[in-house]
Amino acid sequence: WSRDGTRLVGHRQSHFTPDESRIRESTIVIYPAGGGYEQALTSPTTSLDYGTDWSADDQWVLATANPLTAGRSEIRLLPVAADPQADAQAPILTTSEEYNIWQARFSPNERWVSVNAVNKVNKTLTSTIYLIPVSGGEWTQVTEGKYWDDEPRWSPDGRILYFSSNRTGFPNVWGIHFNSPIGKPVGEPFRVTTFEGPVHMRYPGYVAFAIGANRLLVNLVESSGNIWILENVD
């Protein structure tokens, strides 16, 4: 959602190729909340481009771009007024040859951007939360890089960074305190939810959760299964 609640930024992609190995076209689009025609914000591309957050004045969309082939992943600031080719005028906050960058979100004071980064060289089943200064500079590692840590979300006051993690075997919400003036996490991650067993959160990366002033919204799944015996199969 835009900060004034009038628009949504989304992602439109064309059909996959027959072997589902490549996306033909990807575009970041804006939708009016009251319904109506979409507004293309970027020109079509073959990389995976997503708009993930808005600036406080609703003039910029924070976006990630991850190439499907070898190349640099980027975090961009898309000027809304430059549609439908905002990508041509977008300042680049950071790039990476080593990581695919996802889930970029502004901190409440817009000094920092939180992301989860997946190593595209080692191809391990881990994802790490990082903080990146909006003004540019070195990344600050927040989580250990041993688990699938995903979907970083800020508390409204910017003092806690929440994220989903499978570090106990099941996806749950965790948090870590944050010192905004110095841009550093404080202490160790702490557990927020305790979903285990048949009723649990959707696996990180599929359904995001949301943080309100005093509420946490998550999507739960109840898993079940059966074993069948087939007779006379031949």
Protein backbone atom coordinates (compact mmCIF):
# COMPACT_ATOMS: atom_id res chain seq x y z
CA TRP A 1 0.00 0.00 0.00
CA SER A 2 1.02 3.61 -0.57
CA ARG A 3 1.28 5.58 2.68
CA ASP A 4 -1.90 7.55 1.89
CA GLY A 5 -3.83 4.33 1.20
CA THR A 6 -4.88 5.25 -2.34
CA ARG A 7 -2.62 2.96 -4.41
CA LEU A 8 -1.05 -0.48 -4.47
CA VAL A 9 2.25 -1.38 -6.08
CA GLY A 10 2.33 -4.83 -7.64
CA HIS A 11 4.08 -7.07 -10.09
CA ARG A 12 2.82 -8.35 -13.42
CA GLN A 13 4.51 -11.10 -15.38
CA SER A 14 3.66 -12.90 -18.57
CA HIS A 15 3.20 -16.64 -18.95
CA PHE A 16 6.15 -18.95 -18.51
CA THR A 17 7.79 -20.58 -21.48
CA PRO A 18 6.60 -24.17 -22.08
CA ASP A 19 9.31 -25.67 -19.84
CA GLU A 20 8.61 -23.00 -17.15
CA SER A 21 12.30 -22.15 -17.01
CA ARG A 22 12.13 -18.49 -18.03
CA ILE A 23 9.72 -15.61 -17.55
CA ARG A 24 9.10 -13.76 -20.78
CA GLU A 25 8.27 -10.37 -19.31
CA SER A 26 8.09 -8.67 -15.92
CA THR A 27 6.69 -5.20 -15.12
CA ILE A 28 6.12 -3.24 -11.89
CA VAL A 29 2.63 -1.73 -11.90
CA ILE A 30 0.52 0.54 -9.71
CA TYR A 31 -3.19 -0.04 -9.09
CA PRO A 32 -5.70 2.52 -7.76
CA ALA A 33 -7.22 1.22 -4.52
CA GLY A 34 -10.72 2.11 -5.69
CA GLY A 35 -10.42 0.03 -8.85
CA GLY A 36 -9.59 1.01 -12.40
CA TYR A 37 -6.77 0.61 -14.87
CA GLU A 38 -3.26 -0.30 -13.84
CA GLN A 39 -0.39 2.13 -14.34
CA ALA A 40 2.84 0.60 -15.65
CA LEU A 41 5.69 2.03 -13.60
CA THR A 42 8.59 0.31 -15.36
CA SER A 43 9.33 -0.91 -18.85
CA PRO A 44 9.11 -4.70 -19.42
CA THR A 45 12.17 -6.72 -18.48
CA THR A 46 13.21 -10.36 -18.33
CA SER A 47 14.55 -10.04 -14.77
CA LEU A 48 12.43 -10.54 -11.65
CA ASP A 49 11.48 -6.97 -10.64
CA TYR A 50 9.29 -6.25 -7.62
CA GLY A 51 8.05 -3.06 -6.00
CA THR A 52 8.13 -3.69 -2.25
CA ASP A 53 7.61 -0.38 -0.41
CA TRP A 54 6.74 3.32 -0.77
CA SER A 55 8.53 6.40 0.49
CA ALA A 56 6.70 8.47 3.11
CA ASP A 57 5.75 11.12 0.52
CA ASP A 58 4.52 8.45 -1.97
CA GLN A 59 6.80 9.85 -4.66
CA TRP A 60 9.15 6.84 -4.81
CA VAL A 61 8.75 3.07 -4.92
CA LEU A 62 11.45 0.91 -3.40
CA ALA A 63 12.12 -2.01 -5.74
CA THR A 64 14.34 -5.05 -6.19
CA ALA A 65 15.63 -6.43 -9.50
CA ASN A 66 17.09 -9.93 -9.76
CA PRO A 67 18.32 -11.22 -13.13
CA LEU A 68 17.36 -14.75 -14.14
CA THR A 69 20.82 -15.26 -15.61
CA ALA A 70 24.22 -14.17 -14.33
CA GLY A 71 24.39 -10.50 -13.40
CA ARG A 72 23.97 -7.97 -10.64
CA SER A 73 20.96 -7.83 -8.37
CA GLU A 74 19.88 -4.29 -7.48
CA ILE A 75 17.80 -2.22 -5.10
CA ARG A 76 16.34 0.80 -6.88
CA LEU A 77 14.31 3.88 -6.04
CA LEU A 78 11.70 4.27 -8.78
CA PRO A 79 10.34 7.81 -9.28
CA VAL A 80 6.57 7.45 -9.63
CA ALA A 81 6.37 10.58 -11.79
CA ALA A 82 8.64 8.94 -14.40
CA ASP A 83 6.20 6.16 -15.35
CA PRO A 84 6.13 4.10 -17.51
CA GLN A 85 9.94 4.07 -17.67
CA ALA A 86 10.84 4.84 -14.06
CA ASP A 87 13.60 2.23 -14.22
CA ALA A 88 15.52 4.46 -16.65
CA GLN A 89 15.72 7.25 -14.05
CA ALA A 90 15.98 5.16 -10.88
CA PRO A 91 18.86 5.77 -8.44
CA ILE A 92 20.48 2.49 -7.40
CA LEU A 93 20.93 2.07 -3.64
CA THR A 94 23.07 -1.06 -3.82
CA THR A 95 24.04 -3.95 -6.09
CA SER A 96 25.31 -7.48 -5.53
CA GLU A 97 26.91 -10.13 -7.71
CA GLU A 98 26.82 -12.66 -4.88
CA TYR A 99 23.24 -12.37 -3.61
CA ASN A 100 19.72 -12.19 -4.94
CA ILE A 101 17.99 -9.42 -2.97
CA TRP A 102 14.34 -9.64 -1.89
CA GLN A 103 11.76 -8.09 0.45
CA ALA A 104 13.27 -4.58 0.63
CA ARG A 105 11.53 -2.34 3.20
CA PHE A 106 12.23 1.16 4.50
CA SER A 107 12.78 1.67 8.21
CA PRO A 108 10.22 4.12 9.66
CA ASN A 109 12.76 6.98 9.56
CA GLU A 110 13.82 5.95 6.01
CA ARG A 111 17.49 5.86 6.96
CA TRP A 112 17.77 2.10 6.44
CA VAL A 113 16.49 -0.60 4.11
CA SER A 114 16.02 -4.16 5.36
CA VAL A 115 16.33 -7.06 2.91
CA ASN A 116 16.72 -10.78 2.84
CA ALA A 117 19.56 -12.01 0.66
CA VAL A 118 20.00 -15.45 -0.89
CA ASN A 119 23.46 -16.53 -1.99
CA LYS A 120 23.23 -17.31 -5.70
CA VAL A 121 26.74 -18.74 -5.86
CA ASN A 122 26.59 -21.39 -3.12
CA LYS A 123 22.87 -22.11 -3.67
CA THR A 124 22.37 -23.17 -0.05
CA LEU A 125 18.91 -23.34 1.53
CA THR A 126 19.63 -20.32 3.71
CA SER A 127 18.56 -16.69 3.58
CA THR A 128 20.11 -13.87 5.60
CA ILE A 129 18.62 -10.56 6.79
CA TYR A 130 20.77 -7.48 6.11
CA LEU A 131 20.44 -3.74 6.67
CA ILE A 132 21.55 -1.27 4.01
CA PRO A 133 21.93 2.49 4.54
CA VAL A 134 19.74 4.53 2.18
CA SER A 135 22.64 6.94 1.79
CA GLY A 136 24.86 4.10 0.57
CA GLY A 137 27.54 2.08 2.29
CA GLU A 138 28.31 -1.32 3.72
CA TRP A 139 25.68 -3.94 4.47
CA THR A 140 25.10 -4.87 8.13
CA GLN A 141 24.34 -8.55 8.73
CA VAL A 142 21.43 -9.08 11.13
CA THR A 143 20.87 -12.86 11.21
CA GLU A 144 23.37 -15.69 11.34
CA GLY A 145 23.10 -17.00 7.78
CA LYS A 146 22.39 -20.54 9.01
CA TYR A 147 18.61 -20.65 8.49
CA TRP A 148 15.92 -19.46 6.11
CA ASP A 149 15.31 -15.97 7.56
CA ASP A 150 12.87 -13.99 5.43
CA GLU A 151 10.28 -11.19 5.22
CA PRO A 152 11.88 -8.50 7.44
CA ARG A 153 9.21 -6.14 8.80
CA TRP A 154 9.72 -3.07 11.00
CA SER A 155 7.83 -2.19 14.13
CA PRO A 156 6.09 1.20 13.78
CA ASP A 157 8.68 2.88 16.04
CA GLY A 158 11.61 1.27 14.21
CA ARG A 159 13.03 -0.27 17.40
CA ILE A 160 12.38 -3.90 16.44
CA LEU A 161 12.92 -5.72 13.16
CA TYR A 162 10.66 -8.77 12.84
CA PHE A 163 11.29 -11.62 10.43
CA SER A 164 10.12 -15.15 9.69
CA SER A 165 12.51 -18.04 10.33
CA ASN A 166 12.57 -21.83 10.23
CA ARG A 167 15.36 -22.06 12.83
CA THR A 168 13.28 -24.36 15.08
CA GLY A 169 12.12 -26.59 12.24
CA PHE A 170 8.80 -24.79 11.71
CA PRO A 171 8.28 -21.27 10.32
CA ASN A 172 7.68 -18.73 13.08
CA VAL A 173 7.99 -15.00 13.62
CA TRP A 174 11.11 -13.77 15.37
CA GLY A 175 12.38 -10.30 16.21
CA ILE A 176 15.57 -8.46 17.05
CA HIS A 177 16.01 -5.08 18.71
CA PHE A 178 17.51 -2.30 16.61
CA ASN A 179 19.47 0.83 17.50
CA SER A 180 18.48 3.26 14.76
CA PRO A 181 21.02 6.06 15.48
CA ILE A 182 23.95 3.70 14.86
CA GLY A 183 22.15 1.32 12.50
CA LYS A 184 22.99 -1.85 14.40
CA PRO A 185 20.97 -4.77 15.77
CA VAL A 186 21.05 -5.16 19.54
CA GLY A 187 21.23 -8.51 21.31
CA GLU A 188 20.10 -11.88 20.01
CA PRO A 189 16.95 -12.73 18.02
CA PHE A 190 13.93 -13.51 20.20
CA ARG A 191 10.96 -15.70 19.38
CA VAL A 192 7.52 -14.10 18.92
CA THR A 193 5.25 -17.00 17.83
CA THR A 194 5.33 -20.69 18.78
CA PHE A 195 3.50 -22.49 15.99
CA GLU A 196 4.55 -26.14 15.81
CA GLY A 197 3.02 -29.29 14.38
CA PRO A 198 -0.07 -29.59 12.14
CA VAL A 199 -1.09 -25.92 12.55
CA HIS A 200 1.74 -23.61 11.50
CA MET A 201 2.64 -20.58 9.46
CA ARG A 202 2.96 -20.85 5.74
CA TYR A 203 6.57 -21.52 4.81
CA PRO A 204 8.58 -18.25 4.66
CA GLY A 205 8.66 -16.64 1.26
CA TYR A 206 5.14 -17.66 0.23
CA VAL A 207 2.90 -15.54 2.44
CA ALA A 208 4.14 -12.41 4.19
CA PHE A 209 3.00 -11.32 7.62
CA ALA A 210 2.07 -7.78 8.67
CA ILE A 211 2.90 -5.63 11.69
CA GLY A 212 0.44 -3.09 13.14
CA ALA A 213 0.63 -0.74 16.08
CA ASN A 214 -0.26 -3.51 18.53
CA ARG A 215 -1.11 -6.51 16.39
CA LEU A 216 0.67 -9.17 14.35
CA LEU A 217 -1.17 -10.64 11.35
CA VAL A 218 -0.04 -14.07 10.13
CA ASN A 219 -1.48 -16.66 7.78
CA LEU A 220 -1.82 -20.17 9.25
CA VAL A 221 -2.07 -23.53 7.54
CA GLU A 222 -3.36 -26.81 8.96
CA SER A 223 -1.57 -29.72 7.33
CA SER A 224 -2.92 -33.26 7.04
CA GLY A 225 -2.30 -36.29 4.89
CA ASN A 226 -3.29 -39.89 4.17
CA ILE A 227 -1.56 -43.10 3.13
CA TRP A 228 -3.24 -45.16 0.41
CA ILE A 229 -2.64 -48.71 -0.82
CA LEU A 230 -3.31 -49.41 -4.50
CA GLU A 231 -4.21 -52.98 -5.37
CA ASN A 232 -3.90 -54.77 -8.72
CA VAL A 233 -1.79 -51.99 -10.19
CA ASP A 234 -0.49 -54.28 -12.93
